[in-house]
Amino acid sequence: MTFKSKLMSAVASAALLTGASGGMVAAQDSITVGYFLEWPMPFQYAKVEGLYDEAMGMTVNWRAFDTGTAMSAAMASGDVQLSVSQGVPPFVVATSAGQDLQIVDVAVSYAENDNCVVREELEIDKTSAGELEGKKVAVPLGTAAHYGFLKQMDHFGVDISTMDVVNMAPPEGAAAIAQGAVDLFCGWGGSLRRAKEHGNVLLTGAEKEELGILVFDVTSGPADFVAENPDVVAAFLAVTGKANDMWNSGEGVDMMLPVIAKDAGMDVDATAATMETFVFPGVEEQLTAKWLGGGAQEFMKGVADVFVEAGSIDAALETYADTVVTGPLEQAASGM
């Protein structure tokens, strides 16, 4: 069986999922899904090929965002029903403030692809990070990059109150460090790659993980949408999961890579280099204790407590257990 026929088989299986509760799906003729440009992932092959539309029996509209906080706002307004690869910190910020969002899968883990870069002229590295006090930093507030920034500065004993922290989306921050307008950039993806042309990272991905700075994104959606449309969500996750499996196996890489690169607004070499730093957990792995079986919920509580201590949010939830729902993913797994 060819790669394309295998993926189409997955679409057929997912289509059966949508047929299981006809009423809910029939009432929904389209949804809008948020995603990031310059953030290449296997799902984009299925996106371009129209496989989501086939599997779900509806039109899937796609809307690009710069930050996960903007995704939260769009879901709050009802403009977006699902967001692929929303960072855990912006999800935590939104749910801590009372927004009723739920995680439905683990989209990607990427400790090497979300980091802080010091302007090269300063010649500051992890042995002299204390010199960052008083410096100007560009960081998208309430995001994974913001959480990583807070944790790294705490590790190095840098007093953040002395710093000029400017809320900038990663593309703006990358431009600012290139111009010498900021001393420290924090961000991800293509913006991080560009920023590294003008400076150095303080810690590697492995070093950050040793400090408990996990970096992963999720697929999220408004709780009422997920509850009212479980089969739609399951069908979506089934197509995503099969695309991830094909990428992880290596079988579909040559076919998928140029399509993903074009959709991400990147060249093929940059896309390949970026995706080498990504891990796409399989559906069964996502359901284990490490991830949605408890690990993600515990991690979110830790993120929230750090944000409260830093004054970034007013309060944390007592538990984040209710912000994760595994039913649609379990249903997707049974149909793959």
Protein backbone atom coordinates (compact mmCIF):
# COMPACT_ATOMS: atom_id res chain seq x y z
CA MET A 1 0.00 0.00 0.00
CA THR A 2 1.40 3.42 -0.95
CA PHE A 3 1.82 6.30 1.47
CA LYS A 4 -1.07 8.21 -0.08
CA SER A 5 -3.40 5.21 0.02
CA LYS A 6 -2.50 4.54 3.66
CA LEU A 7 -3.30 8.12 4.60
CA MET A 8 -6.54 7.98 2.63
CA SER A 9 -7.39 4.79 4.52
CA ALA A 10 -7.00 6.80 7.71
CA VAL A 11 -9.37 9.38 6.28
CA ALA A 12 -11.93 6.69 5.59
CA SER A 13 -11.64 5.42 9.17
CA ALA A 14 -12.03 8.93 10.51
CA ALA A 15 -15.06 9.46 8.29
CA LEU A 16 -16.69 6.48 9.97
CA LEU A 17 -16.14 8.20 13.30
CA THR A 18 -18.06 11.25 12.12
CA GLY A 19 -20.92 9.08 10.93
CA ALA A 20 -21.36 7.55 14.36
CA SER A 21 -23.41 10.44 15.72
CA GLY A 22 -24.85 11.94 12.58
CA GLY A 23 -26.91 14.67 14.25
CA MET A 24 -24.06 16.62 15.77
CA VAL A 25 -21.93 16.43 12.64
CA ALA A 26 -24.76 17.20 10.25
CA ALA A 27 -25.52 20.38 12.12
CA GLN A 28 -21.96 21.57 11.60
CA ASP A 29 -21.01 22.42 8.00
CA SER A 30 -17.67 24.06 8.73
CA ILE A 31 -15.20 24.82 11.49
CA THR A 32 -12.22 27.15 11.77
CA VAL A 33 -8.91 25.83 13.06
CA GLY A 34 -6.01 27.96 14.24
CA TYR A 35 -2.36 27.18 13.53
CA PHE A 36 1.05 28.89 13.25
CA LEU A 37 3.02 29.87 10.18
CA GLU A 38 6.76 28.99 10.27
CA TRP A 39 5.85 26.12 12.59
CA PRO A 40 5.97 23.08 10.29
CA MET A 41 4.09 19.95 11.35
CA PRO A 42 2.85 16.77 9.63
CA PHE A 43 -0.80 17.81 9.91
CA GLN A 44 -0.12 20.46 7.26
CA TYR A 45 0.24 17.78 4.58
CA ALA A 46 -3.28 16.57 5.40
CA LYS A 47 -4.43 20.19 5.56
CA VAL A 48 -3.18 20.99 2.05
CA GLU A 49 -4.48 17.72 0.58
CA GLY A 50 -7.98 18.37 1.96
CA LEU A 51 -7.96 15.20 4.02
CA TYR A 52 -9.59 16.84 7.04
CA ASP A 53 -12.50 18.01 4.93
CA GLU A 54 -12.98 14.48 3.56
CA ALA A 55 -12.77 12.79 6.94
CA MET A 56 -15.02 15.23 8.74
CA GLY A 57 -17.55 15.78 5.97
CA MET A 58 -17.29 19.53 6.28
CA THR A 59 -15.16 22.50 5.28
CA VAL A 60 -12.22 23.14 7.56
CA ASN A 61 -11.13 26.77 7.40
CA TRP A 62 -7.60 27.53 8.60
CA ARG A 63 -6.47 30.74 10.30
CA ALA A 64 -2.84 31.60 11.05
CA PHE A 65 -1.79 33.19 14.36
CA ASP A 66 1.39 34.69 15.82
CA THR A 67 0.84 33.63 19.45
CA GLY A 68 -1.12 31.18 21.55
CA THR A 69 -2.67 34.06 23.49
CA ALA A 70 -4.25 35.29 20.25
CA MET A 71 -5.60 31.77 19.72
CA SER A 72 -7.26 31.91 23.16
CA ALA A 73 -8.92 35.20 22.28
CA ALA A 74 -10.22 33.82 18.98
CA MET A 75 -11.65 30.75 20.72
CA ALA A 76 -13.26 32.96 23.36
CA SER A 77 -14.99 34.99 20.64
CA GLY A 78 -16.23 31.86 18.87
CA ASP A 79 -14.23 32.62 15.73
CA VAL A 80 -12.07 29.49 16.13
CA GLN A 81 -13.23 26.03 17.23
CA LEU A 82 -9.87 24.24 17.51
CA SER A 83 -6.27 25.44 17.80
CA VAL A 84 -3.39 23.20 16.72
CA SER A 85 -0.13 23.59 18.61
CA GLN A 86 -1.25 26.12 21.21
CA GLY A 87 1.48 26.50 23.81
CA VAL A 88 0.75 25.17 27.29
CA PRO A 89 1.49 28.50 29.05
CA PRO A 90 -1.06 30.55 27.05
CA PHE A 91 -3.56 27.75 27.61
CA VAL A 92 -2.83 27.91 31.35
CA VAL A 93 -3.16 31.70 31.38
CA ALA A 94 -6.57 31.51 29.69
CA THR A 95 -7.98 28.70 31.83
CA SER A 96 -6.63 30.25 35.03
CA ALA A 97 -8.58 33.39 34.15
CA GLY A 98 -11.77 31.36 33.76
CA GLN A 99 -11.86 30.65 30.03
CA ASP A 100 -13.43 27.23 29.52
CA LEU A 101 -10.89 25.56 27.20
CA GLN A 102 -9.89 21.91 27.02
CA ILE A 103 -6.84 20.04 25.73
CA VAL A 104 -7.66 17.22 23.31
CA ASP A 105 -4.17 16.08 22.28
CA VAL A 106 -0.42 16.67 22.57
CA ALA A 107 0.59 18.33 19.31
CA VAL A 108 4.39 18.49 19.56
CA SER A 109 7.28 18.52 22.03
CA TYR A 110 10.14 20.86 21.18
CA ALA A 111 12.63 21.79 23.91
CA GLU A 112 15.19 22.89 21.29
CA ASN A 113 12.81 25.09 19.36
CA ASP A 114 11.67 27.56 22.01
CA ASN A 115 14.44 29.54 23.65
CA CYS A 116 16.03 32.84 24.62
CA VAL A 117 18.87 34.45 22.64
CA VAL A 118 21.33 37.04 24.00
CA ARG A 119 22.59 39.72 21.59
CA GLU A 120 26.09 38.72 20.49
CA GLU A 121 27.70 42.08 21.29
CA LEU A 122 27.01 41.52 24.99
CA GLU A 123 29.08 38.30 25.06
CA ILE A 124 26.87 36.90 27.84
CA ASP A 125 26.47 33.16 28.25
CA LYS A 126 25.32 30.85 31.03
CA THR A 127 28.47 31.57 33.04
CA SER A 128 27.77 35.31 33.09
CA ALA A 129 23.97 35.44 32.86
CA GLY A 130 23.79 37.68 35.93
CA GLU A 131 24.85 40.52 33.64
CA LEU A 132 21.38 40.43 32.09
CA GLU A 133 20.02 42.49 34.98
CA GLY A 134 18.97 45.88 33.72
CA LYS A 135 18.77 44.68 30.12
CA LYS A 136 15.86 44.93 27.66
CA VAL A 137 14.06 41.72 26.65
CA ALA A 138 11.49 40.98 23.93
CA VAL A 139 9.14 38.19 25.00
CA PRO A 140 5.55 37.30 24.05
CA LEU A 141 3.83 37.41 27.43
CA GLY A 142 1.76 34.47 28.59
CA THR A 143 3.40 32.01 26.18
CA ALA A 144 5.77 29.04 26.42
CA ALA A 145 8.62 31.47 25.68
CA HIS A 146 7.54 33.65 28.62
CA TYR A 147 7.46 30.66 30.96
CA GLY A 148 10.90 29.55 29.77
CA PHE A 149 12.23 33.08 30.25
CA LEU A 150 10.94 33.24 33.82
CA LYS A 151 12.35 29.82 34.70
CA GLN A 152 15.74 30.56 33.16
CA MET A 153 16.08 33.92 34.88
CA ASP A 154 15.13 32.28 38.18
CA HIS A 155 17.76 29.60 37.60
CA PHE A 156 20.43 32.22 36.95
CA GLY A 157 19.32 34.42 39.84
CA VAL A 158 18.50 37.37 37.59
CA ASP A 159 16.16 39.94 39.17
CA ILE A 160 13.49 40.39 36.51
CA SER A 161 12.25 43.58 38.17
CA THR A 162 15.44 45.28 36.96
CA MET A 163 14.76 44.33 33.34
CA ASP A 164 12.77 46.18 30.70
CA VAL A 165 10.40 43.43 29.55
CA VAL A 166 8.61 44.28 26.30
CA ASN A 167 5.67 42.21 25.06
CA MET A 168 6.56 41.30 21.45
CA ALA A 169 5.39 38.50 19.17
CA PRO A 170 8.40 36.42 18.01
CA PRO A 171 8.67 37.97 14.51
CA GLU A 172 8.81 41.45 16.07
CA GLY A 173 11.29 40.30 18.70
CA ALA A 174 13.57 38.74 16.07
CA ALA A 175 13.58 42.00 14.13
CA ALA A 176 14.30 43.95 17.32
CA ILE A 177 17.36 41.88 18.28
CA ALA A 178 18.64 42.08 14.70
CA GLN A 179 18.43 45.88 14.94
CA GLY A 180 20.07 45.95 18.37
CA ALA A 181 16.89 47.35 19.89
CA VAL A 182 16.70 44.63 22.57
CA ASP A 183 19.34 42.67 24.44
CA LEU A 184 17.46 39.40 24.84
CA PHE A 185 14.97 37.68 22.56
CA CYS A 186 12.65 34.85 23.63
CA GLY A 187 10.55 32.99 21.07
CA TRP A 188 10.27 30.03 18.76
CA GLY A 189 10.30 28.68 15.22
CA GLY A 190 11.57 30.74 12.31
CA SER A 191 11.87 33.79 14.54
CA LEU A 192 14.19 31.90 16.91
CA ARG A 193 16.27 30.75 13.97
CA ARG A 194 16.65 34.34 12.75
CA ALA A 195 17.42 35.62 16.24
CA LYS A 196 20.22 33.09 16.62
CA GLU A 197 21.96 34.76 13.67
CA HIS A 198 22.52 37.71 16.01
CA GLY A 199 23.30 36.00 19.31
CA ASN A 200 23.53 32.85 21.40
CA VAL A 201 21.22 30.76 23.57
CA LEU A 202 21.85 30.53 27.31
CA LEU A 203 20.79 26.89 27.73
CA THR A 204 20.30 23.98 25.35
CA GLY A 205 17.02 22.10 25.17
CA ALA A 206 18.46 19.24 27.21
CA GLU A 207 19.75 21.65 29.87
CA LYS A 208 16.31 23.25 30.10
CA GLU A 209 14.60 19.89 30.51
CA GLU A 210 16.97 19.10 33.40
CA LEU A 211 15.56 22.22 35.10
CA GLY A 212 12.01 21.00 34.51
CA ILE A 213 11.36 23.40 31.63
CA LEU A 214 9.27 21.14 29.42
CA VAL A 215 8.16 22.65 26.14
CA PHE A 216 5.17 21.18 24.36
CA ASP A 217 2.05 22.34 22.56
CA VAL A 218 -1.47 20.98 22.52
CA THR A 219 -4.56 20.95 20.38
CA SER A 220 -7.23 22.82 22.30
CA GLY A 221 -10.79 23.96 21.89
CA PRO A 222 -13.69 25.55 23.79
CA ALA A 223 -15.11 22.99 26.23
CA ASP A 224 -18.67 23.39 24.95
CA PHE A 225 -17.59 22.75 21.34
CA VAL A 226 -15.66 19.64 22.35
CA ALA A 227 -18.57 18.34 24.43
CA GLU A 228 -21.17 18.98 21.72
CA ASN A 229 -19.04 17.66 18.83
CA PRO A 230 -16.94 14.74 20.14
CA ASP A 231 -17.06 12.88 16.83
CA VAL A 232 -15.94 15.90 14.86
CA VAL A 233 -13.00 16.33 17.22
CA ALA A 234 -12.20 12.60 17.11
CA ALA A 235 -12.19 12.61 13.30
CA PHE A 236 -9.87 15.62 13.28
CA LEU A 237 -7.48 13.96 15.73
CA ALA A 238 -7.50 10.70 13.77
CA VAL A 239 -6.26 12.43 10.61
CA THR A 240 -3.65 14.34 12.62
CA GLY A 241 -2.50 11.14 14.32
CA LYS A 242 -2.12 9.25 11.05
CA ALA A 243 -0.14 12.11 9.48
CA ASN A 244 2.16 12.08 12.52
CA ASP A 245 2.58 8.30 12.26
CA MET A 246 3.54 8.55 8.61
CA TRP A 247 6.07 11.27 9.35
CA ASN A 248 7.51 9.41 12.33
CA SER A 249 7.91 6.22 10.29
CA GLY A 250 10.00 8.07 7.71
CA GLU A 251 7.87 6.59 4.94
CA GLY A 252 6.12 9.80 3.98
CA VAL A 253 8.86 12.36 4.62
CA ASP A 254 9.95 12.89 1.01
CA MET A 255 6.38 13.43 -0.14
CA MET A 256 5.27 15.47 2.85
CA LEU A 257 8.26 17.77 3.36
CA PRO A 258 7.87 20.11 0.35
CA VAL A 259 4.12 20.38 0.92
CA ILE A 260 4.59 21.21 4.60
CA ALA A 261 7.35 23.70 3.82
CA LYS A 262 5.20 25.62 1.34
CA ASP A 263 2.23 25.70 3.70
CA ALA A 264 4.45 26.89 6.57
CA GLY A 265 5.90 29.69 4.43
CA MET A 266 9.43 28.25 4.67
CA ASP A 267 12.04 26.73 2.38
CA VAL A 268 12.55 22.97 2.44
CA ASP A 269 15.95 23.03 4.17
CA ALA A 270 14.72 25.27 6.99
CA THR A 271 11.62 23.12 7.38
CA ALA A 272 13.67 19.94 7.62
CA ALA A 273 16.03 21.54 10.16
CA THR A 274 13.13 22.76 12.28
CA MET A 275 11.26 19.46 12.24
CA GLU A 276 14.39 17.58 13.28
CA THR A 277 14.03 19.33 16.64
CA PHE A 278 10.36 18.32 16.98
CA VAL A 279 8.88 15.19 18.54
CA PHE A 280 5.33 14.17 17.55
CA PRO A 281 4.06 11.66 20.15
CA GLY A 282 1.81 8.92 18.80
CA VAL A 283 -1.81 8.76 19.94
CA GLU A 284 -1.24 5.83 22.30
CA GLU A 285 1.75 7.57 23.89
CA GLN A 286 -0.27 10.74 24.40
CA LEU A 287 -2.76 8.77 26.49
CA THR A 288 -0.07 7.53 28.92
CA ALA A 289 0.71 8.94 32.37
CA LYS A 290 3.60 10.97 30.94
CA TRP A 291 1.21 13.11 28.95
CA LEU A 292 -2.60 13.30 29.15
CA GLY A 293 -2.85 10.54 31.74
CA GLY A 294 -1.67 12.95 34.42
CA GLY A 295 1.70 14.43 33.52
CA ALA A 296 0.34 17.34 31.51
CA GLN A 297 -2.11 18.26 34.26
CA GLU A 298 0.66 18.32 36.89
CA PHE A 299 2.92 20.35 34.60
CA MET A 300 0.19 22.94 34.01
CA LYS A 301 -0.22 23.41 37.73
CA GLY A 302 3.52 24.06 37.97
CA VAL A 303 3.38 26.59 35.13
CA ALA A 304 0.45 28.37 36.77
CA ASP A 305 2.21 28.58 40.13
CA VAL A 306 5.30 30.10 38.48
CA PHE A 307 3.12 32.70 36.73
CA VAL A 308 1.35 33.56 39.99
CA GLU A 309 4.68 34.02 41.77
CA ALA A 310 5.92 36.25 38.95
CA GLY A 311 2.74 38.33 39.09
CA SER A 312 1.78 37.37 35.53
CA ILE A 313 -1.61 35.96 36.56
CA ASP A 314 -3.75 36.61 39.63
CA ALA A 315 -4.33 33.03 40.71
CA ALA A 316 -3.96 29.41 39.67
CA LEU A 317 -6.68 26.80 39.55
CA GLU A 318 -6.63 24.26 42.36
CA THR A 319 -6.23 21.55 39.71
CA TYR A 320 -6.02 21.46 35.92
CA ALA A 321 -7.48 17.94 35.65
CA ASP A 322 -10.73 19.22 34.15
CA THR A 323 -8.91 21.09 31.40
CA VAL A 324 -7.96 17.80 29.72
CA VAL A 325 -10.47 15.55 27.96
CA THR A 326 -9.27 12.28 26.44
CA GLY A 327 -12.53 10.87 25.07
CA PRO A 328 -12.11 12.14 21.48
CA LEU A 329 -8.47 10.99 21.34
CA GLU A 330 -9.42 7.55 22.67
CA GLN A 331 -12.13 7.39 20.02
CA ALA A 332 -9.61 8.44 17.35
CA ALA A 333 -7.22 5.73 18.53
CA SER A 334 -9.89 3.06 18.16
CA GLY A 335 -10.50 4.06 14.55
CA MET A 336 -6.86 4.30 13.41
